[in-house]
C-alpha atoms as a PDB file:
ATOM      1  CA  MET A   1      28.962 -28.655   0.414  1.00  0.00           C
ATOM      2  CA  ILE A   2      25.283 -28.745   1.347  1.00  0.00           C
ATOM      3  CA  SER A   3      24.006 -25.332   2.415  1.00  0.00           C
ATOM      4  CA  LEU A   4      20.557 -24.996   4.005  1.00  0.00           C
ATOM      5  CA  HIS A   5      18.981 -21.651   4.887  1.00  0.00           C
ATOM      6  CA  THR A   6      15.533 -21.391   6.441  1.00  0.00           C
ATOM      7  CA  GLN A   7      13.640 -18.115   6.776  1.00  0.00           C
ATOM      8  CA  GLY A   8      10.278 -17.401   8.367  1.00  0.00           C
ATOM      9  CA  GLY A   9       8.303 -19.583  10.743  1.00  0.00           C
ATOM     10  CA  ASN A  10       9.151 -20.303  14.349  1.00  0.00           C
ATOM     11  CA  ARG A  11      12.105 -22.297  15.659  1.00  0.00           C
ATOM     12  CA  PHE A  12      10.104 -25.539  15.752  1.00  0.00           C
ATOM     13  CA  GLN A  13       9.035 -25.151  12.113  1.00  0.00           C
ATOM     14  CA  LYS A  14      12.620 -24.369  11.147  1.00  0.00           C
ATOM     15  CA  ASN A  15      13.746 -27.517  12.968  1.00  0.00           C
ATOM     16  CA  LEU A  16      11.089 -29.485  11.090  1.00  0.00           C
ATOM     17  CA  VAL A  17      12.505 -28.171   7.800  1.00  0.00           C
ATOM     18  CA  ASN A  18      16.145 -28.797   8.804  1.00  0.00           C
ATOM     19  CA  VAL A  19      15.546 -32.359  10.001  1.00  0.00           C
ATOM     20  CA  THR A  20      13.218 -33.328   7.139  1.00  0.00           C
ATOM     21  CA  VAL A  21      15.576 -31.918   4.493  1.00  0.00           C
ATOM     22  CA  SER A  22      18.520 -33.790   6.054  1.00  0.00           C
ATOM     23  CA  TRP A  23      16.481 -36.998   6.026  1.00  0.00           C
ATOM     24  CA  CYS A  24      15.480 -36.416   2.381  1.00  0.00           C
ATOM     25  CA  LEU A  25      19.067 -35.784   1.328  1.00  0.00           C
ATOM     26  CA  GLN A  26      20.216 -39.066   2.883  1.00  0.00           C
ATOM     27  CA  LYS A  27      17.273 -41.031   1.477  1.00  0.00           C
ATOM     28  CA  MET A  28      16.770 -39.465  -1.950  1.00  0.00           C
ATOM     29  CA  MET A  29      20.153 -37.990  -2.918  1.00  0.00           C
ATOM     30  CA  PRO A  30      22.872 -39.723  -0.878  1.00  0.00           C
ATOM     31  CA  ARG A  31      25.648 -39.047  -3.423  1.00  0.00           C
ATOM     32  CA  ILE A  32      24.917 -35.362  -3.955  1.00  0.00           C
ATOM     33  CA  ARG A  33      27.536 -33.236  -2.175  1.00  0.00           C
ATOM     34  CA  LYS A  34      26.782 -29.753  -3.530  1.00  0.00           C
ATOM     35  CA  LEU A  35      23.418 -28.044  -2.970  1.00  0.00           C
ATOM     36  CA  ASP A  36      22.348 -24.572  -1.932  1.00  0.00           C
ATOM     37  CA  LEU A  37      18.807 -24.744  -0.512  1.00  0.00           C
ATOM     38  CA  HIS A  38      16.826 -21.696   0.595  1.00  0.00           C
ATOM     39  CA  PHE A  39      13.564 -22.520   2.384  1.00  0.00           C
ATOM     40  CA  HIS A  40      11.009 -19.803   3.034  1.00  0.00           C
ATOM     41  CA  LEU A  41       8.162 -20.527   5.460  1.00  0.00           C
ATOM     42  CA  LYS A  42       5.469 -18.049   4.530  1.00  0.00           C
ATOM     43  CA  ASN A  43       1.795 -17.445   3.906  1.00  0.00           C
ATOM     44  CA  ILE A  44       0.831 -19.059   0.602  1.00  0.00           C
ATOM     45  CA  LYS A  45      -2.756 -19.088  -0.631  1.00  0.00           C
ATOM     46  CA  ASP A  46      -3.013 -21.408  -3.627  1.00  0.00           C
ATOM     47  CA  ALA A  47      -0.563 -24.216  -2.807  1.00  0.00           C
ATOM     48  CA  ASP A  48       1.267 -25.926   0.038  1.00  0.00           C
ATOM     49  CA  GLY A  49       4.680 -25.364  -1.507  1.00  0.00           C
ATOM     50  CA  PHE A  50       6.778 -24.380  -4.505  1.00  0.00           C
ATOM     51  CA  CYS A  51      10.236 -25.353  -5.742  1.00  0.00           C
ATOM     52  CA  LEU A  52      12.168 -22.973  -7.970  1.00  0.00           C
ATOM     53  CA  ASN A  53      15.415 -23.828  -9.706  1.00  0.00           C
ATOM     54  CA  ASP A  54      17.341 -20.674  -8.795  1.00  0.00           C
ATOM     55  CA  SER A  55      20.618 -21.599 -10.504  1.00  0.00           C
ATOM     56  CA  ALA A  56      21.968 -18.723 -12.578  1.00  0.00           C
ATOM     57  CA  ASP A  57      25.723 -18.352 -12.112  1.00  0.00           C
ATOM     58  CA  GLN A  58      28.386 -20.876 -13.123  1.00  0.00           C
ATOM     59  CA  GLU A  59      29.002 -21.878  -9.480  1.00  0.00           C
ATOM     60  CA  ASP A  60      25.295 -22.745  -9.130  1.00  0.00           C
ATOM     61  CA  PHE A  61      25.746 -25.832 -11.293  1.00  0.00           C
ATOM     62  CA  GLY A  62      27.283 -29.256 -10.724  1.00  0.00           C
ATOM     63  CA  PRO A  63      28.485 -31.897 -13.196  1.00  0.00           C
ATOM     64  CA  ASN A  64      26.716 -31.967 -16.599  1.00  0.00           C
ATOM     65  CA  ARG A  65      25.253 -28.501 -15.881  1.00  0.00           C
ATOM     66  CA  SER A  66      23.072 -30.024 -13.162  1.00  0.00           C
ATOM     67  CA  PRO A  67      21.416 -27.175 -11.194  1.00  0.00           C
ATOM     68  CA  ARG A  68      22.359 -26.931  -7.518  1.00  0.00           C
ATOM     69  CA  ARG A  69      20.675 -23.762  -6.171  1.00  0.00           C
ATOM     70  CA  PHE A  70      16.995 -23.847  -5.198  1.00  0.00           C
ATOM     71  CA  CYS A  71      14.416 -21.655  -3.514  1.00  0.00           C
ATOM     72  CA  ILE A  72      11.606 -23.601  -1.831  1.00  0.00           C
ATOM     73  CA  GLU A  73       8.527 -21.982  -0.358  1.00  0.00           C
ATOM     74  CA  ILE A  74       6.410 -23.840   2.213  1.00  0.00           C
ATOM     75  CA  LYS A  75       3.056 -22.722   3.603  1.00  0.00           C
ATOM     76  CA  LYS A  76       3.830 -21.991   7.244  1.00  0.00           C
ATOM     77  CA  SER A  77       0.273 -22.697   8.466  1.00  0.00           C
ATOM     78  CA  LEU A  78       0.542 -26.420   7.633  1.00  0.00           C
ATOM     79  CA  HIS A  79       0.296 -28.930  10.470  1.00  0.00           C
ATOM     80  CA  LEU A  80       3.334 -31.103  11.245  1.00  0.00           C
ATOM     81  CA  THR A  81       2.509 -34.109   9.043  1.00  0.00           C
ATOM     82  CA  ASP A  82       1.382 -31.957   6.128  1.00  0.00           C
ATOM     83  CA  MET A  83       4.513 -29.813   6.383  1.00  0.00           C
ATOM     84  CA  VAL A  84       6.798 -32.856   6.398  1.00  0.00           C
ATOM     85  CA  SER A  85       4.866 -34.309   3.461  1.00  0.00           C
ATOM     86  CA  THR A  86       5.161 -31.048   1.518  1.00  0.00           C
ATOM     87  CA  ILE A  87       8.898 -30.796   2.206  1.00  0.00           C
ATOM     88  CA  ILE A  88       9.354 -34.348   0.879  1.00  0.00           C
ATOM     89  CA  HIS A  89       7.320 -33.401  -2.215  1.00  0.00           C
ATOM     90  CA  GLU A  90       9.429 -30.304  -2.897  1.00  0.00           C
ATOM     91  CA  MET A  91      12.682 -32.182  -2.224  1.00  0.00           C
ATOM     92  CA  GLU A  92      11.604 -34.696  -4.879  1.00  0.00           C
ATOM     93  CA  HIS A  93      11.440 -31.762  -7.303  1.00  0.00           C
ATOM     94  CA  VAL A  94      14.956 -30.756  -6.225  1.00  0.00           C
ATOM     95  CA  ARG A  95      16.077 -34.333  -6.958  1.00  0.00           C
ATOM     96  CA  GLN A  96      14.353 -34.230 -10.369  1.00  0.00           C
ATOM     97  CA  TYR A  97      16.171 -31.019 -11.307  1.00  0.00           C
ATOM     98  CA  VAL A  98      19.550 -32.241 -10.009  1.00  0.00           C
ATOM     99  CA  MET A  99      19.223 -35.530 -11.896  1.00  0.00           C
ATOM    100  CA  LEU A 100      18.245 -33.559 -15.023  1.00  0.00           C
ATOM    101  CA  GLU A 101      14.876 -35.310 -15.230  1.00  0.00           C
ATOM    102  CA  LEU A 102      13.068 -31.955 -15.024  1.00  0.00           C
ATOM    103  CA  GLU A 103      14.116 -28.737 -16.720  1.00  0.00           C
ATOM    104  CA  ASP A 104      12.392 -25.382 -17.117  1.00  0.00           C
ATOM    105  CA  THR A 105      12.946 -23.328 -20.236  1.00  0.00           C
ATOM    106  CA  SER A 106      11.505 -19.980 -21.259  1.00  0.00           C
ATOM    107  CA  THR A 107       8.797 -21.699 -23.324  1.00  0.00           C
ATOM    108  CA  HIS A 108       8.107 -25.091 -21.743  1.00  0.00           C
ATOM    109  CA  ALA A 109       9.018 -27.692 -19.136  1.00  0.00           C
ATOM    110  CA  ARG A 110      10.960 -30.773 -20.143  1.00  0.00           C
ATOM    111  CA  TRP A 111      10.374 -34.049 -18.289  1.00  0.00           C
ATOM    112  CA  LYS A 112      13.033 -36.569 -19.289  1.00  0.00           C
ATOM    113  CA  THR A 113      12.769 -36.439 -23.104  1.00  0.00           C
ATOM    114  CA  ARG A 114       9.310 -34.922 -23.514  1.00  0.00           C
ATOM    115  CA  LYS A 115       8.275 -31.250 -23.616  1.00  0.00           C
ATOM    116  CA  TYR A 116       5.197 -29.954 -21.768  1.00  0.00           C
ATOM    117  CA  ALA A 117       3.503 -26.592 -22.153  1.00  0.00           C
ATOM    118  CA  TYR A 118       3.351 -24.551 -18.962  1.00  0.00           C
ATOM    119  CA  ASP A 119      -0.454 -24.654 -19.099  1.00  0.00           C
ATOM    120  CA  HIS A 120      -0.478 -28.490 -19.030  1.00  0.00           C
ATOM    121  CA  ASP A 121      -2.974 -29.785 -16.424  1.00  0.00           C
ATOM    122  CA  TYR A 122      -1.171 -29.797 -13.038  1.00  0.00           C
ATOM    123  CA  TRP A 123      -2.539 -33.198 -12.012  1.00  0.00           C
ATOM    124  CA  LYS A 124      -1.350 -34.773 -15.274  1.00  0.00           C
ATOM    125  CA  GLN A 125       2.214 -33.471 -15.098  1.00  0.00           C
ATOM    126  CA  PRO A 126       4.477 -36.531 -14.711  1.00  0.00           C
ATOM    127  CA  TRP A 127       6.898 -34.739 -12.355  1.00  0.00           C
ATOM    128  CA  GLU A 128       3.993 -33.894 -10.049  1.00  0.00           C
ATOM    129  CA  LYS A 129       2.666 -37.460 -10.161  1.00  0.00           C
ATOM    130  CA  MET A 130       6.144 -38.661  -9.165  1.00  0.00           C
ATOM    131  CA  ALA A 131       6.443 -36.101  -6.353  1.00  0.00           C
ATOM    132  CA  TYR A 132       3.048 -37.082  -4.901  1.00  0.00           C
ATOM    133  CA  ALA A 133       4.005 -40.768  -5.100  1.00  0.00           C
ATOM    134  CA  LYS A 134       7.291 -40.071  -3.264  1.00  0.00           C
ATOM    135  CA  GLN A 135       5.626 -38.046  -0.511  1.00  0.00           C
ATOM    136  CA  GLU A 136       3.131 -40.878   0.052  1.00  0.00           C
ATOM    137  CA  LYS A 137       5.919 -43.464  -0.013  1.00  0.00           C
ATOM    138  CA  TYR A 138       8.224 -41.636   2.404  1.00  0.00           C
ATOM    139  CA  ILE A 139       6.029 -39.710   4.864  1.00  0.00           C
ATOM    140  CA  MET A 140       5.615 -42.436   7.498  1.00  0.00           C
ATOM    141  CA  GLU A 141       9.228 -43.565   7.140  1.00  0.00           C
ATOM    142  CA  CYS A 142      10.478 -40.018   7.632  1.00  0.00           C
ATOM    143  CA  LEU A 143       8.278 -39.408  10.672  1.00  0.00           C
ATOM    144  CA  ALA A 144       9.475 -42.700  12.202  1.00  0.00           C
ATOM    145  CA  GLU A 145      13.193 -42.189  11.511  1.00  0.00           C
ATOM    146  CA  ALA A 146      13.820 -38.449  11.731  1.00  0.00           C
ATOM    147  CA  VAL A 147      14.683 -37.046  15.150  1.00  0.00           C
ATOM    148  CA  PHE A 148      12.994 -33.704  15.711  1.00  0.00           C
ATOM    149  CA  ASP A 149      14.393 -31.535  18.504  1.00  0.00           C
ATOM    150  CA  PRO A 150      11.825 -30.475  21.130  1.00  0.00           C
ATOM    151  CA  ASP A 151      14.003 -27.485  22.090  1.00  0.00           C
ATOM    152  CA  PRO A 152      15.896 -26.146  19.033  1.00  0.00           C
ATOM    153  CA  ASP A 153      17.707 -22.813  18.879  1.00  0.00           C
ATOM    154  CA  GLN A 154      16.132 -19.821  17.119  1.00  0.00           C
ATOM    155  CA  ASN A 155      17.364 -21.077  13.719  1.00  0.00           C
ATOM    156  CA  GLY A 156      15.876 -24.534  14.243  1.00  0.00           C
ATOM    157  CA  PHE A 157      19.136 -26.344  14.995  1.00  0.00           C
ATOM    158  CA  THR A 158      19.945 -28.533  17.971  1.00  0.00           C
ATOM    159  CA  LYS A 159      21.524 -26.492  20.772  1.00  0.00           C
ATOM    160  CA  HIS A 160      23.552 -29.300  22.254  1.00  0.00           C
ATOM    161  CA  PRO A 161      25.246 -32.345  20.715  1.00  0.00           C
END
């Protein structure tokens, strides 16, 4: 089961998260059936977003110990296009973790078969390069295909079918 929780922001921002995440799941992870996603729209100073693998308990993992619980923070002051782009970027990190391409350990990050120190230059990290490429690739497609509700409920969901 896919579980999506969104905290912070207004109902329109929550709808933007809900719709963009749904679009990303269909486009980037169509076969994944178990995810627990917690989005937090908040004031962030040094970045537009963060993705944290929050899997800890046995039920937080899928096949092959693939993590399935994530906490994603998004800067709530972003404009529409930048927020959608950032959500796509962070959902690419979710995909990387789920597909076991990216793994965090206590001492380093592992990208596919190679280890990287945590102080490795951000712009040279291969998982970041991939996430930026995906957000550039998908932003216009998402904005064209996703249907954002002009009058969502307080949790950002469509009030009527």
